[in-house]
N, C-alpha and C. Protein backbone atom coordinates (compact mmCIF):
# COMPACT_ATOMS: atom_id res chain seq x y z
N UNK A 1 -28.28 -3.15 36.18
CA UNK A 1 -27.24 -2.86 34.80
C UNK A 1 -27.08 -2.11 34.06
N UNK A 2 -26.17 -1.34 33.46
CA UNK A 2 -26.64 -0.50 32.44
C UNK A 2 -26.32 -1.49 30.95
N UNK A 3 -27.58 -1.49 30.33
CA UNK A 3 -27.16 -2.20 29.22
C UNK A 3 -26.17 -1.16 28.18
N UNK A 4 -25.42 -2.17 27.65
CA UNK A 4 -24.66 -1.27 26.56
C UNK A 4 -24.26 -1.53 25.36
N UNK A 5 -24.86 -1.03 24.01
CA UNK A 5 -25.30 -1.41 23.43
C UNK A 5 -23.93 -0.31 21.95
N UNK A 6 -23.88 -1.22 20.86
CA UNK A 6 -23.13 -0.67 19.80
C UNK A 6 -23.56 -0.16 18.59
N UNK A 7 -23.22 0.24 17.18
CA UNK A 7 -24.07 0.90 16.99
C UNK A 7 -23.57 0.86 15.29
N UNK A 8 -23.80 0.29 14.20
CA UNK A 8 -22.97 0.27 13.28
C UNK A 8 -23.80 1.20 11.74
N UNK A 9 -23.39 1.07 11.61
CA UNK A 9 -24.05 1.83 9.86
C UNK A 9 -23.66 0.99 8.04
N UNK A 10 -24.51 1.27 7.39
CA UNK A 10 -24.16 0.79 6.31
C UNK A 10 -24.87 1.54 5.77
N UNK A 11 -24.25 2.16 4.79
CA UNK A 11 -24.81 2.46 3.68
C UNK A 11 -24.28 2.74 2.21
N UNK A 12 -24.99 3.06 0.71
CA UNK A 12 -24.71 2.87 -0.54
C UNK A 12 -23.71 3.70 -0.48
N UNK A 13 -22.44 4.20 -1.14
CA UNK A 13 -21.78 4.75 -1.49
C UNK A 13 -21.97 5.01 -2.67
N UNK A 14 -22.89 4.36 -3.59
CA UNK A 14 -22.69 5.00 -4.33
C UNK A 14 -23.72 6.15 -5.13
N UNK A 15 -24.14 6.05 -3.65
CA UNK A 15 -25.46 7.26 -3.83
C UNK A 15 -24.16 8.43 -2.90
N UNK A 16 -22.85 8.09 -2.49
CA UNK A 16 -22.26 9.34 -1.15
C UNK A 16 -21.86 10.32 -1.97
N UNK A 17 -22.79 12.04 -1.62
CA UNK A 17 -21.63 12.95 -2.15
C UNK A 17 -20.56 13.56 -1.46
N UNK A 18 -20.30 13.05 -0.44
CA UNK A 18 -18.69 13.82 0.30
C UNK A 18 -19.79 14.37 1.64
N UNK A 19 -20.97 14.56 1.94
CA UNK A 19 -21.47 15.92 2.41
C UNK A 19 -20.53 15.83 4.36
N UNK A 20 -20.55 14.34 4.58
CA UNK A 20 -20.28 13.86 5.81
C UNK A 20 -21.76 14.23 7.05
N UNK A 21 -22.45 13.42 6.37
CA UNK A 21 -23.87 13.93 6.92
C UNK A 21 -23.31 12.76 8.08
N UNK A 22 -23.02 11.16 7.75
CA UNK A 22 -23.68 10.13 8.01
C UNK A 22 -22.29 10.52 9.42
N UNK A 23 -21.17 11.03 9.22
CA UNK A 23 -20.14 11.59 10.41
C UNK A 23 -21.20 12.32 11.66
N UNK A 24 -21.46 13.43 11.27
CA UNK A 24 -22.21 14.23 12.34
C UNK A 24 -23.33 13.51 12.75
N UNK A 25 -24.07 12.68 12.05
CA UNK A 25 -25.18 11.69 12.60
C UNK A 25 -24.44 11.08 13.95
N UNK A 26 -23.49 10.59 13.45
CA UNK A 26 -22.47 9.49 14.75
C UNK A 26 -22.01 10.30 15.24
N UNK A 27 -21.71 11.41 15.64
CA UNK A 27 -20.84 12.18 16.57
C UNK A 27 -21.86 12.80 17.15
N UNK A 28 -23.15 13.43 16.68
CA UNK A 28 -24.93 13.92 17.38
C UNK A 28 -24.83 12.85 18.61
N UNK A 29 -24.20 11.24 17.69
CA UNK A 29 -25.22 10.42 18.67
C UNK A 29 -24.17 9.98 20.10
N UNK A 30 -23.08 9.83 19.91
CA UNK A 30 -22.48 9.41 20.32
C UNK A 30 -21.28 10.55 21.57
N UNK A 31 -21.74 11.87 21.70
CA UNK A 31 -21.14 12.69 22.25
C UNK A 31 -22.49 13.72 23.13
N UNK A 32 -22.74 12.68 24.17
CA UNK A 32 -23.67 13.36 24.71
C UNK A 32 -23.06 13.47 26.16
N UNK A 33 -21.41 13.38 26.38
CA UNK A 33 -21.48 13.48 27.98
C UNK A 33 -20.14 14.94 27.68
N UNK A 34 -20.07 15.11 28.59
CA UNK A 34 -18.35 16.10 28.70
C UNK A 34 -17.51 15.27 28.11
N UNK A 35 -16.29 16.00 27.56
CA UNK A 35 -15.07 15.15 27.04
C UNK A 35 -14.67 14.90 25.86
N UNK A 36 -15.87 14.50 25.16
CA UNK A 36 -15.98 13.63 23.49
C UNK A 36 -16.60 14.67 22.90
N UNK A 37 -16.27 16.35 22.95
CA UNK A 37 -17.09 17.16 22.03
C UNK A 37 -16.12 17.06 20.84
N UNK A 38 -14.77 17.47 20.50
CA UNK A 38 -13.97 17.56 19.14
C UNK A 38 -13.42 15.96 18.75
N UNK A 39 -14.56 15.35 19.30
CA UNK A 39 -13.74 13.69 18.96
C UNK A 39 -14.09 13.39 17.78
N UNK A 40 -13.17 12.46 16.35
CA UNK A 40 -13.68 12.32 15.33
C UNK A 40 -14.21 10.81 15.44
N UNK A 41 -15.63 10.53 15.58
CA UNK A 41 -15.96 9.52 15.94
C UNK A 41 -16.33 8.32 14.00
N UNK A 42 -15.91 9.01 12.88
CA UNK A 42 -16.87 8.15 11.80
C UNK A 42 -15.81 8.83 10.47
N UNK A 43 -15.02 7.51 10.01
CA UNK A 43 -14.21 7.99 9.17
C UNK A 43 -14.70 7.13 7.96
N UNK A 44 -14.94 7.73 6.53
CA UNK A 44 -15.52 7.28 5.58
C UNK A 44 -14.72 6.48 4.99
N UNK A 45 -15.17 5.17 4.65
CA UNK A 45 -14.37 4.33 3.62
C UNK A 45 -15.22 4.11 2.61
N UNK A 46 -14.39 4.34 1.04
CA UNK A 46 -15.12 3.76 0.03
C UNK A 46 -13.96 3.19 -0.58
N UNK A 47 -14.06 1.32 -0.08
CA UNK A 47 -13.98 0.50 -0.70
C UNK A 47 -14.40 -0.07 -2.31
N UNK A 48 -13.37 -0.23 -3.48
CA UNK A 48 -11.75 0.01 -2.93
C UNK A 48 -11.27 1.41 -3.38
N UNK A 49 -10.22 1.16 -2.11
CA UNK A 49 -9.42 2.33 -2.26
C UNK A 49 -8.43 2.51 -1.77
N UNK A 50 -7.44 3.37 -1.42
CA UNK A 50 -6.21 3.48 -0.57
C UNK A 50 -6.50 2.90 0.70
N UNK A 51 -7.55 3.05 1.39
CA UNK A 51 -7.83 3.47 2.48
C UNK A 51 -7.39 4.52 3.74
N UNK A 52 -7.97 4.59 4.67
CA UNK A 52 -7.35 5.76 5.95
C UNK A 52 -7.09 5.06 7.21
N UNK A 53 -5.94 5.40 7.27
CA UNK A 53 -4.87 5.94 6.97
C UNK A 53 -4.55 5.22 5.60
N UNK A 54 -3.63 5.51 4.27
CA UNK A 54 -2.79 5.32 3.44
C UNK A 54 -2.39 3.45 4.14
N UNK A 55 -3.22 2.58 3.59
CA UNK A 55 -2.81 1.69 3.79
C UNK A 55 -3.46 1.07 4.95
N UNK A 56 -3.97 0.90 6.00
CA UNK A 56 -4.23 0.77 6.97
C UNK A 56 -4.38 -0.60 7.49
N UNK A 57 -4.52 -1.40 5.85
CA UNK A 57 -4.97 -2.96 6.14
C UNK A 57 -3.70 -3.80 6.34
N UNK A 58 -3.04 -3.31 6.39
CA UNK A 58 -1.60 -3.69 5.77
C UNK A 58 -0.64 -4.08 6.63
N UNK A 59 -1.05 -5.28 7.94
CA UNK A 59 -0.77 -5.97 9.14
C UNK A 59 0.61 -5.76 9.19
N UNK A 60 1.72 -6.03 7.83
CA UNK A 60 3.04 -6.31 7.76
C UNK A 60 3.48 -4.66 7.98
N UNK A 61 2.99 -3.74 7.46
CA UNK A 61 3.30 -1.93 7.47
C UNK A 61 3.00 -1.76 9.20
N UNK A 62 2.44 -1.38 9.45
CA UNK A 62 2.21 -1.29 11.11
C UNK A 62 2.26 -2.42 12.12
N UNK A 63 2.44 -3.32 11.56
CA UNK A 63 3.04 -4.16 12.99
C UNK A 63 1.88 -5.02 13.37
N UNK A 64 0.49 -5.04 13.44
CA UNK A 64 -1.22 -5.13 13.95
C UNK A 64 -0.93 -6.75 13.12
N UNK A 65 -2.08 -7.29 14.03
CA UNK A 65 -2.49 -8.56 14.09
C UNK A 65 -1.97 -9.41 15.56
N UNK A 66 -1.57 -10.48 15.11
CA UNK A 66 -1.92 -11.99 16.09
C UNK A 66 -0.28 -12.84 16.00
N UNK A 67 0.44 -13.19 16.45
CA UNK A 67 1.71 -14.28 15.97
C UNK A 67 1.68 -15.13 16.73
N UNK A 68 1.65 -16.55 16.56
CA UNK A 68 1.80 -17.70 17.61
C UNK A 68 3.02 -17.99 18.14
N UNK A 69 3.23 -17.93 19.16
CA UNK A 69 4.73 -18.70 19.66
C UNK A 69 5.00 -19.90 19.84
N UNK A 70 6.29 -20.66 19.71
CA UNK A 70 6.15 -22.02 19.76
C UNK A 70 5.71 -22.68 20.46
N UNK A 71 5.06 -21.99 21.74
CA UNK A 71 4.17 -22.83 23.23
C UNK A 71 2.74 -23.01 22.66
N UNK A 72 2.69 -22.31 21.05
CA UNK A 72 1.32 -22.15 20.84
C UNK A 72 0.65 -21.65 21.47
N UNK A 73 1.01 -20.38 22.64
CA UNK A 73 -0.23 -19.38 22.63
C UNK A 73 0.27 -18.15 21.54
N UNK A 74 -0.52 -17.09 21.56
CA UNK A 74 -0.54 -16.37 20.75
C UNK A 74 -0.52 -14.83 21.90
N UNK A 75 0.01 -13.99 20.97
CA UNK A 75 0.24 -12.96 21.42
C UNK A 75 0.20 -11.81 20.05
N UNK A 76 0.22 -10.29 20.65
CA UNK A 76 0.46 -9.03 19.49
C UNK A 76 1.64 -9.29 18.87
N UNK A 77 1.57 -8.96 17.60
CA UNK A 77 2.57 -9.02 16.76
C UNK A 77 3.37 -7.54 17.23
N UNK A 78 2.81 -6.61 17.93
CA UNK A 78 3.76 -5.59 18.66
C UNK A 78 4.50 -5.56 19.45
N UNK A 79 4.08 -7.00 20.89
CA UNK A 79 4.74 -7.32 21.35
C UNK A 79 4.15 -7.40 22.62
N UNK A 80 5.17 -7.68 23.75
CA UNK A 80 3.93 -8.13 24.81
C UNK A 80 3.85 -7.03 25.89
N UNK A 81 3.35 -7.15 26.90
CA UNK A 81 2.87 -5.98 27.66
C UNK A 81 4.17 -4.93 28.40
N UNK A 82 5.24 -5.63 28.14
CA UNK A 82 6.22 -4.02 28.42
C UNK A 82 6.60 -3.50 27.17
N UNK A 83 6.42 -4.53 26.14
CA UNK A 83 7.39 -4.00 25.62
C UNK A 83 5.91 -2.81 25.06
N UNK A 84 4.90 -3.18 24.85
CA UNK A 84 3.77 -2.08 24.41
C UNK A 84 3.63 -0.60 25.24
N UNK A 85 4.23 -1.09 26.91
CA UNK A 85 4.43 0.35 27.37
C UNK A 85 5.61 0.83 27.57
N UNK A 86 6.51 0.00 27.13
CA UNK A 86 7.69 1.22 25.97
C UNK A 86 7.70 1.56 25.33
N UNK A 87 6.10 1.81 24.59
CA UNK A 87 5.73 2.64 23.33
C UNK A 87 5.05 3.16 23.76
N UNK A 88 4.25 3.60 25.04
CA UNK A 88 3.46 4.57 24.85
C UNK A 88 3.61 5.86 24.49
N UNK A 89 4.97 6.62 24.66
CA UNK A 89 4.59 8.09 24.12
C UNK A 89 5.47 8.33 22.96
N UNK A 90 5.97 6.80 22.22
CA UNK A 90 6.85 6.92 21.01
C UNK A 90 6.27 5.75 20.64
N UNK A 91 5.71 5.59 19.68
CA UNK A 91 5.01 4.54 18.94
C UNK A 91 5.93 4.28 17.12
N UNK A 92 6.50 3.98 16.76
CA UNK A 92 7.56 4.11 14.98
C UNK A 92 5.87 3.30 14.61
N UNK A 93 5.74 2.40 15.30
CA UNK A 93 4.25 1.64 14.29
C UNK A 93 3.24 2.27 13.69
N UNK A 94 2.15 3.51 14.65
CA UNK A 94 1.32 4.34 14.26
C UNK A 94 1.87 5.00 12.91
N UNK A 95 0.81 5.61 12.28
CA UNK A 95 0.92 6.08 10.97
C UNK A 95 0.88 7.57 11.71
N UNK A 96 1.70 8.44 10.87
CA UNK A 96 2.10 10.04 11.22
C UNK A 96 0.96 10.24 10.23
N UNK A 97 0.98 11.76 10.25
CA UNK A 97 0.25 12.37 10.03
C UNK A 97 0.40 12.21 8.45
N UNK A 98 0.93 12.20 7.52
CA UNK A 98 1.38 12.07 6.28
C UNK A 98 0.53 10.73 5.67
N UNK A 99 0.61 9.98 6.29
CA UNK A 99 0.05 8.70 6.14
C UNK A 99 -1.87 9.05 6.30
N UNK A 100 -2.23 10.13 6.45
CA UNK A 100 -3.72 10.37 6.54
C UNK A 100 -3.68 11.22 5.37
N UNK A 101 -4.69 11.77 5.19
CA UNK A 101 -5.47 12.62 3.82
C UNK A 101 -6.63 13.22 4.07
N UNK A 102 -6.91 14.52 3.61
CA UNK A 102 -8.20 15.28 3.98
C UNK A 102 -9.07 14.73 2.82
N UNK A 103 -10.28 14.21 3.09
CA UNK A 103 -10.97 13.52 1.86
C UNK A 103 -11.73 14.91 1.25
């Protein structure tokens, strides 16, 4: 059996100088195989702030989270399987490039 694990980092943001060494370290740990050389793994959040992307925690804006149906079952707010599949190539609920900012 292959053992899998996840790693999380907690950093003191009072001492952050914006060098993104934490991002480089994260990428070096997780890009040891082909196909993930250009992936960005670590978005540095400095709370309180506007978030990354802007208002990313706003479930109403991004249509995220869950809703309970009348029969008691829960489903993603974005919809069921068919609705999710219909938005594979064009999803208006996803952030656009303007919602991101360069730190």
